[in-house]
Amino acid sequence: MGSIFLLVRNLPKNHHASREERVGGRAGVRTSPGQLVLSQKALILTLMVVLGVMAFSYLMLVNGRVTKAFGIKTLEEKLTELQKTQKQLERESANLQSIKNIEQSEQIINYTPTQNMSHLKNSDKAVTVK
């Protein structure tokens, strides 16, 4: 009980301290013109807004990159498919251009197949065949 009495005895005589005195004089700080003083709540609110804008910007950036990556993957799949189609068409073209296929074709009218085919060798003289 004695320690409580000492605490009460050392209290200042003015028990009705103003809000400025209780907070430490920060709430009513007078500033010169042109200076900005933010309270703790305003500072927290400002930081939260800045963090929110930064988070939103980050999400938009990540979303854009993911969308582009998905587009690239789709184009790569299409490229692979087109390469397979190209190879198939090249094989089909080679098959259609082969001599055996041309000989069997019914589209050529009055076609006489060759029997003994020989090739002319390069010579210095010009060769004319009628």
C-alpha atoms as a PDB file:
ATOM      1  CA  MET A   1       0.000   0.000   0.000  1.00  0.00           C
ATOM      2  CA  GLY A   2       2.913   2.322   0.633  1.00  0.00           C
ATOM      3  CA  SER A   3       4.154   2.154  -2.957  1.00  0.00           C
ATOM      4  CA  ILE A   4       0.797   3.306  -4.333  1.00  0.00           C
ATOM      5  CA  PHE A   5       0.811   6.236  -1.976  1.00  0.00           C
ATOM      6  CA  LEU A   6       4.233   7.289  -3.271  1.00  0.00           C
ATOM      7  CA  LEU A   7       3.011   7.130  -6.885  1.00  0.00           C
ATOM      8  CA  VAL A   8      -0.012   9.274  -6.124  1.00  0.00           C
ATOM      9  CA  ARG A   9       2.035  11.704  -4.094  1.00  0.00           C
ATOM     10  CA  ASN A  10       4.431  12.331  -7.017  1.00  0.00           C
ATOM     11  CA  LEU A  11       1.652  13.123  -9.531  1.00  0.00           C
ATOM     12  CA  PRO A  12       1.604  16.647 -10.946  1.00  0.00           C
ATOM     13  CA  LYS A  13      -0.939  18.980  -9.383  1.00  0.00           C
ATOM     14  CA  ASN A  14      -2.668  19.582 -12.742  1.00  0.00           C
ATOM     15  CA  HIS A  15      -4.584  16.298 -13.235  1.00  0.00           C
ATOM     16  CA  HIS A  16      -6.375  17.566 -16.299  1.00  0.00           C
ATOM     17  CA  ALA A  17      -3.527  17.558 -18.788  1.00  0.00           C
ATOM     18  CA  SER A  18      -4.402  18.526 -22.311  1.00  0.00           C
ATOM     19  CA  ARG A  19      -4.391  16.029 -25.139  1.00  0.00           C
ATOM     20  CA  GLU A  20      -1.157  17.571 -26.465  1.00  0.00           C
ATOM     21  CA  GLU A  21       0.595  16.932 -23.193  1.00  0.00           C
ATOM     22  CA  ARG A  22      -0.677  13.354 -22.932  1.00  0.00           C
ATOM     23  CA  VAL A  23       0.383  12.458 -26.500  1.00  0.00           C
ATOM     24  CA  GLY A  24       3.681  14.170 -26.101  1.00  0.00           C
ATOM     25  CA  GLY A  25       2.836  17.375 -27.859  1.00  0.00           C
ATOM     26  CA  ARG A  26       2.698  15.769 -31.313  1.00  0.00           C
ATOM     27  CA  ALA A  27      -0.989  16.221 -32.051  1.00  0.00           C
ATOM     28  CA  GLY A  28      -0.961  19.991 -32.085  1.00  0.00           C
ATOM     29  CA  VAL A  29       2.424  20.696 -33.575  1.00  0.00           C
ATOM     30  CA  ARG A  30       2.468  24.065 -35.203  1.00  0.00           C
ATOM     31  CA  THR A  31       4.450  24.249 -38.379  1.00  0.00           C
ATOM     32  CA  SER A  32       5.636  27.034 -40.541  1.00  0.00           C
ATOM     33  CA  PRO A  33       3.808  27.563 -43.844  1.00  0.00           C
ATOM     34  CA  GLY A  34       4.708  25.024 -46.539  1.00  0.00           C
ATOM     35  CA  GLN A  35       5.485  22.131 -44.188  1.00  0.00           C
ATOM     36  CA  LEU A  36       3.307  19.056 -44.147  1.00  0.00           C
ATOM     37  CA  VAL A  37       2.747  17.117 -40.957  1.00  0.00           C
ATOM     38  CA  LEU A  38       1.006  13.758 -41.264  1.00  0.00           C
ATOM     39  CA  SER A  39      -0.589  11.992 -38.386  1.00  0.00           C
ATOM     40  CA  GLN A  40       0.174   8.351 -37.777  1.00  0.00           C
ATOM     41  CA  LYS A  41      -3.168   7.237 -39.250  1.00  0.00           C
ATOM     42  CA  ALA A  42      -2.645   9.259 -42.407  1.00  0.00           C
ATOM     43  CA  LEU A  43       0.862   7.857 -42.801  1.00  0.00           C
ATOM     44  CA  ILE A  44      -0.373   4.280 -42.424  1.00  0.00           C
ATOM     45  CA  LEU A  45      -3.211   4.919 -44.872  1.00  0.00           C
ATOM     46  CA  THR A  46      -0.794   6.436 -47.384  1.00  0.00           C
ATOM     47  CA  LEU A  47       1.593   3.473 -47.081  1.00  0.00           C
ATOM     48  CA  MET A  48      -1.272   1.011 -47.523  1.00  0.00           C
ATOM     49  CA  VAL A  49      -2.460   2.806 -50.660  1.00  0.00           C
ATOM     50  CA  VAL A  50       1.072   2.801 -52.088  1.00  0.00           C
ATOM     51  CA  LEU A  51       1.473  -0.898 -51.285  1.00  0.00           C
ATOM     52  CA  GLY A  52      -1.917  -1.625 -52.849  1.00  0.00           C
ATOM     53  CA  VAL A  53      -0.960   0.172 -56.055  1.00  0.00           C
ATOM     54  CA  MET A  54       2.357  -1.682 -56.151  1.00  0.00           C
ATOM     55  CA  ALA A  55       0.641  -5.048 -55.587  1.00  0.00           C
ATOM     56  CA  PHE A  56      -1.908  -4.293 -58.318  1.00  0.00           C
ATOM     57  CA  SER A  57       0.867  -3.288 -60.728  1.00  0.00           C
ATOM     58  CA  TYR A  58       2.796  -6.482 -59.930  1.00  0.00           C
ATOM     59  CA  LEU A  59      -0.285  -8.632 -60.550  1.00  0.00           C
ATOM     60  CA  MET A  60      -0.928  -6.918 -63.878  1.00  0.00           C
ATOM     61  CA  LEU A  61       2.702  -7.472 -64.900  1.00  0.00           C
ATOM     62  CA  VAL A  62       2.603 -11.164 -63.966  1.00  0.00           C
ATOM     63  CA  ASN A  63      -0.756 -11.607 -65.700  1.00  0.00           C
ATOM     64  CA  GLY A  64       0.613 -10.073 -68.889  1.00  0.00           C
ATOM     65  CA  ARG A  65       3.652 -12.342 -68.869  1.00  0.00           C
ATOM     66  CA  VAL A  66       1.567 -15.460 -68.229  1.00  0.00           C
ATOM     67  CA  THR A  67      -0.763 -14.506 -71.086  1.00  0.00           C
ATOM     68  CA  LYS A  68       2.194 -14.056 -73.439  1.00  0.00           C
ATOM     69  CA  ALA A  69       3.719 -17.362 -72.325  1.00  0.00           C
ATOM     70  CA  PHE A  70       0.416 -19.129 -73.020  1.00  0.00           C
ATOM     71  CA  GLY A  71       0.285 -17.531 -76.475  1.00  0.00           C
ATOM     72  CA  ILE A  72       3.848 -18.648 -77.199  1.00  0.00           C
ATOM     73  CA  LYS A  73       3.035 -22.204 -76.140  1.00  0.00           C
ATOM     74  CA  THR A  74      -0.008 -22.242 -78.425  1.00  0.00           C
ATOM     75  CA  LEU A  75       2.060 -20.960 -81.349  1.00  0.00           C
ATOM     76  CA  GLU A  76       4.770 -23.571 -80.705  1.00  0.00           C
ATOM     77  CA  GLU A  77       2.165 -26.336 -80.785  1.00  0.00           C
ATOM     78  CA  LYS A  78       0.778 -24.944 -84.038  1.00  0.00           C
ATOM     79  CA  LEU A  79       4.316 -24.776 -85.486  1.00  0.00           C
ATOM     80  CA  THR A  80       4.923 -28.432 -84.593  1.00  0.00           C
ATOM     81  CA  GLU A  81       1.650 -29.418 -86.226  1.00  0.00           C
ATOM     82  CA  LEU A  82       2.469 -27.432 -89.367  1.00  0.00           C
ATOM     83  CA  GLN A  83       5.935 -29.008 -89.572  1.00  0.00           C
ATOM     84  CA  LYS A  84       4.356 -32.476 -89.456  1.00  0.00           C
ATOM     85  CA  THR A  85       1.911 -31.471 -92.181  1.00  0.00           C
ATOM     86  CA  GLN A  86       4.770 -30.089 -94.293  1.00  0.00           C
ATOM     87  CA  LYS A  87       6.728 -33.358 -94.034  1.00  0.00           C
ATOM     88  CA  GLN A  88       3.622 -35.351 -94.962  1.00  0.00           C
ATOM     89  CA  LEU A  89       2.982 -33.108 -97.980  1.00  0.00           C
ATOM     90  CA  GLU A  90       6.623 -33.383 -99.093  1.00  0.00           C
ATOM     91  CA  ARG A  91       6.385 -37.192 -98.984  1.00  0.00           C
ATOM     92  CA  GLU A  92       3.112 -37.099-100.880  1.00  0.00           C
ATOM     93  CA  SER A  93       4.604 -34.718-103.467  1.00  0.00           C
ATOM     94  CA  ALA A  94       7.659 -36.930-103.948  1.00  0.00           C
ATOM     95  CA  ASN A  95       5.403 -39.949-104.324  1.00  0.00           C
ATOM     96  CA  LEU A  96       3.229 -38.196-106.929  1.00  0.00           C
ATOM     97  CA  GLN A  97       6.285 -37.041-108.897  1.00  0.00           C
ATOM     98  CA  SER A  98       7.869 -40.481-109.033  1.00  0.00           C
ATOM     99  CA  ILE A  99       8.276 -42.155-112.447  1.00  0.00           C
ATOM    100  CA  LYS A 100       6.406 -45.247-111.313  1.00  0.00           C
ATOM    101  CA  ASN A 101       3.379 -43.198-110.322  1.00  0.00           C
ATOM    102  CA  ILE A 102       3.471 -41.185-113.550  1.00  0.00           C
ATOM    103  CA  GLU A 103       3.569 -44.395-115.613  1.00  0.00           C
ATOM    104  CA  GLN A 104       0.532 -45.750-113.789  1.00  0.00           C
ATOM    105  CA  SER A 105      -1.392 -42.527-114.152  1.00  0.00           C
ATOM    106  CA  GLU A 106      -4.466 -42.708-116.396  1.00  0.00           C
ATOM    107  CA  GLN A 107      -4.486 -38.967-116.954  1.00  0.00           C
ATOM    108  CA  ILE A 108      -1.769 -39.076-119.599  1.00  0.00           C
ATOM    109  CA  ILE A 109      -3.294 -39.946-122.953  1.00  0.00           C
ATOM    110  CA  ASN A 110      -1.254 -41.673-125.616  1.00  0.00           C
ATOM    111  CA  TYR A 111       1.576 -42.267-123.191  1.00  0.00           C
ATOM    112  CA  THR A 112       4.088 -44.881-124.270  1.00  0.00           C
ATOM    113  CA  PRO A 113       6.296 -46.138-121.466  1.00  0.00           C
ATOM    114  CA  THR A 114      10.012 -46.235-122.100  1.00  0.00           C
ATOM    115  CA  GLN A 115      11.799 -49.563-122.184  1.00  0.00           C
ATOM    116  CA  ASN A 116      15.523 -49.099-122.505  1.00  0.00           C
ATOM    117  CA  MET A 117      16.367 -45.721-121.148  1.00  0.00           C
ATOM    118  CA  SER A 118      19.866 -44.370-121.546  1.00  0.00           C
ATOM    119  CA  HIS A 119      21.351 -41.053-120.680  1.00  0.00           C
ATOM    120  CA  LEU A 120      23.620 -38.998-122.864  1.00  0.00           C
ATOM    121  CA  LYS A 121      26.992 -38.241-121.481  1.00  0.00           C
ATOM    122  CA  ASN A 122      28.468 -34.778-121.643  1.00  0.00           C
ATOM    123  CA  SER A 123      30.331 -34.270-124.882  1.00  0.00           C
ATOM    124  CA  ASP A 124      31.875 -31.384-126.665  1.00  0.00           C
ATOM    125  CA  LYS A 125      29.496 -31.691-129.606  1.00  0.00           C
ATOM    126  CA  ALA A 126      25.891 -30.568-129.572  1.00  0.00           C
ATOM    127  CA  VAL A 127      23.358 -33.372-129.892  1.00  0.00           C
ATOM    128  CA  THR A 128      20.006 -32.970-131.594  1.00  0.00           C
ATOM    129  CA  VAL A 129      17.388 -35.685-131.455  1.00  0.00           C
ATOM    130  CA  LYS A 130      14.355 -35.692-133.758  1.00  0.00           C
END
